[in-house]
Amino acid sequence: MSAFHFPLWYLLVPFAAVLLATTIYMFFNIYHIAKFGMQSFGTTVVLLLYFGGYLVVLAVVGIMIGNVDWHHTVTLLEILPFSGGSTSTFGI
């Protein structure tokens, strides 16, 4: 059986799609909170916390993925937990 080899940066494509969808959803929510929510100090605080939390998550993810060698090639059999060996996935 031949193994499927691919570079790790292929995993960035679905990650970028999820990141784009999340960003669009965030701006959709911010627009609706600002447009249709009560105009008060509490609304402003919620918007700032929401946007700030999103930026914090992006910064943490950026730091985490920045430490990976994305040109490293892996095989599909290496990353699947149920392939290979005689033990099962659950260690039974």
Protein backbone atom coordinates (compact mmCIF):
# COMPACT_ATOMS: atom_id res chain seq x y z
CA MET A 1 0.00 0.00 0.00
CA SER A 2 1.47 3.35 -0.97
CA ALA A 3 1.29 6.28 1.41
CA PHE A 4 -0.04 9.66 0.38
CA HIS A 5 2.70 12.30 0.95
CA PHE A 6 1.88 15.98 1.25
CA PRO A 7 3.49 19.11 2.71
CA LEU A 8 2.00 20.51 5.89
CA TRP A 9 1.12 23.83 4.25
CA TYR A 10 -1.79 22.06 2.54
CA LEU A 11 -3.47 22.17 5.95
CA LEU A 12 -3.37 25.96 5.83
CA VAL A 13 -5.91 26.03 2.99
CA PRO A 14 -8.88 24.74 5.04
CA PHE A 15 -7.60 26.78 8.00
CA ALA A 16 -7.68 29.94 5.89
CA ALA A 17 -11.22 29.11 4.73
CA VAL A 18 -12.40 28.70 8.34
CA LEU A 19 -10.59 31.89 9.34
CA LEU A 20 -12.27 33.82 6.51
CA ALA A 21 -15.71 32.46 7.45
CA THR A 22 -15.12 33.34 11.11
CA THR A 23 -14.03 36.88 10.23
CA ILE A 24 -17.09 37.43 8.03
CA TYR A 25 -19.33 36.10 10.81
CA MET A 26 -17.64 38.36 13.36
CA PHE A 27 -18.18 41.49 11.27
CA PHE A 28 -21.78 40.39 10.61
CA ASN A 29 -22.34 40.13 14.37
CA ILE A 30 -20.63 43.43 15.12
CA TYR A 31 -22.72 45.19 12.48
CA HIS A 32 -25.96 43.81 13.87
CA ILE A 33 -25.05 44.60 17.48
CA ALA A 34 -24.08 48.16 16.53
CA LYS A 35 -27.05 48.74 14.21
CA PHE A 36 -29.90 47.03 16.05
CA GLY A 37 -28.65 46.79 19.64
CA MET A 38 -29.31 49.32 22.34
CA GLN A 39 -26.97 52.28 22.00
CA SER A 40 -25.40 52.36 25.43
CA PHE A 41 -22.07 52.06 27.20
CA GLY A 42 -22.74 48.34 27.76
CA THR A 43 -23.13 47.73 24.04
CA THR A 44 -19.83 49.46 23.35
CA VAL A 45 -18.11 47.37 26.01
CA VAL A 46 -19.53 44.16 24.55
CA LEU A 47 -18.38 45.13 21.06
CA LEU A 48 -14.88 45.96 22.29
CA LEU A 49 -14.65 42.72 24.29
CA TYR A 50 -15.89 40.70 21.32
CA PHE A 51 -13.44 42.29 18.88
CA GLY A 52 -10.59 42.23 21.41
CA GLY A 53 -11.18 38.57 22.17
CA TYR A 54 -11.11 37.78 18.47
CA LEU A 55 -7.80 39.64 18.09
CA VAL A 56 -6.32 37.80 21.09
CA VAL A 57 -7.30 34.43 19.62
CA LEU A 58 -5.80 35.43 16.25
CA ALA A 59 -2.55 36.49 17.95
CA VAL A 60 -2.26 33.23 19.90
CA VAL A 61 -2.98 31.15 16.80
CA GLY A 62 -0.48 33.22 14.80
CA ILE A 63 2.22 32.56 17.38
CA MET A 64 1.38 28.86 17.48
CA ILE A 65 1.42 28.29 13.72
CA GLY A 66 4.48 30.49 13.30
CA ASN A 67 6.59 27.87 15.06
CA VAL A 68 5.77 25.10 12.56
CA ASP A 69 7.91 24.09 9.58
CA TRP A 70 5.20 24.16 6.94
CA HIS A 71 7.47 22.67 4.24
CA HIS A 72 7.83 19.41 6.16
CA THR A 73 6.31 16.48 4.25
CA VAL A 74 4.14 13.98 6.09
CA THR A 75 2.24 10.88 5.06
CA LEU A 76 -1.42 10.33 5.67
CA LEU A 77 -0.58 7.12 7.52
CA GLU A 78 1.63 9.06 9.98
CA ILE A 79 -1.09 11.43 11.13
CA LEU A 80 -4.06 9.07 11.34
CA PRO A 81 -4.33 7.60 14.86
CA PHE A 82 -5.97 4.35 13.76
CA SER A 83 -3.43 3.30 11.12
CA GLY A 84 -0.50 0.97 11.52
CA GLY A 85 0.37 -1.09 14.67
CA SER A 86 -1.45 -3.93 16.33
CA THR A 87 -3.03 -1.87 19.11
CA SER A 88 -6.36 -0.21 18.66
CA THR A 89 -7.01 3.51 18.83
CA PHE A 90 -8.29 3.24 22.37
CA GLY A 91 -5.31 1.21 23.62
CA ILE A 92 -7.39 -1.90 24.29
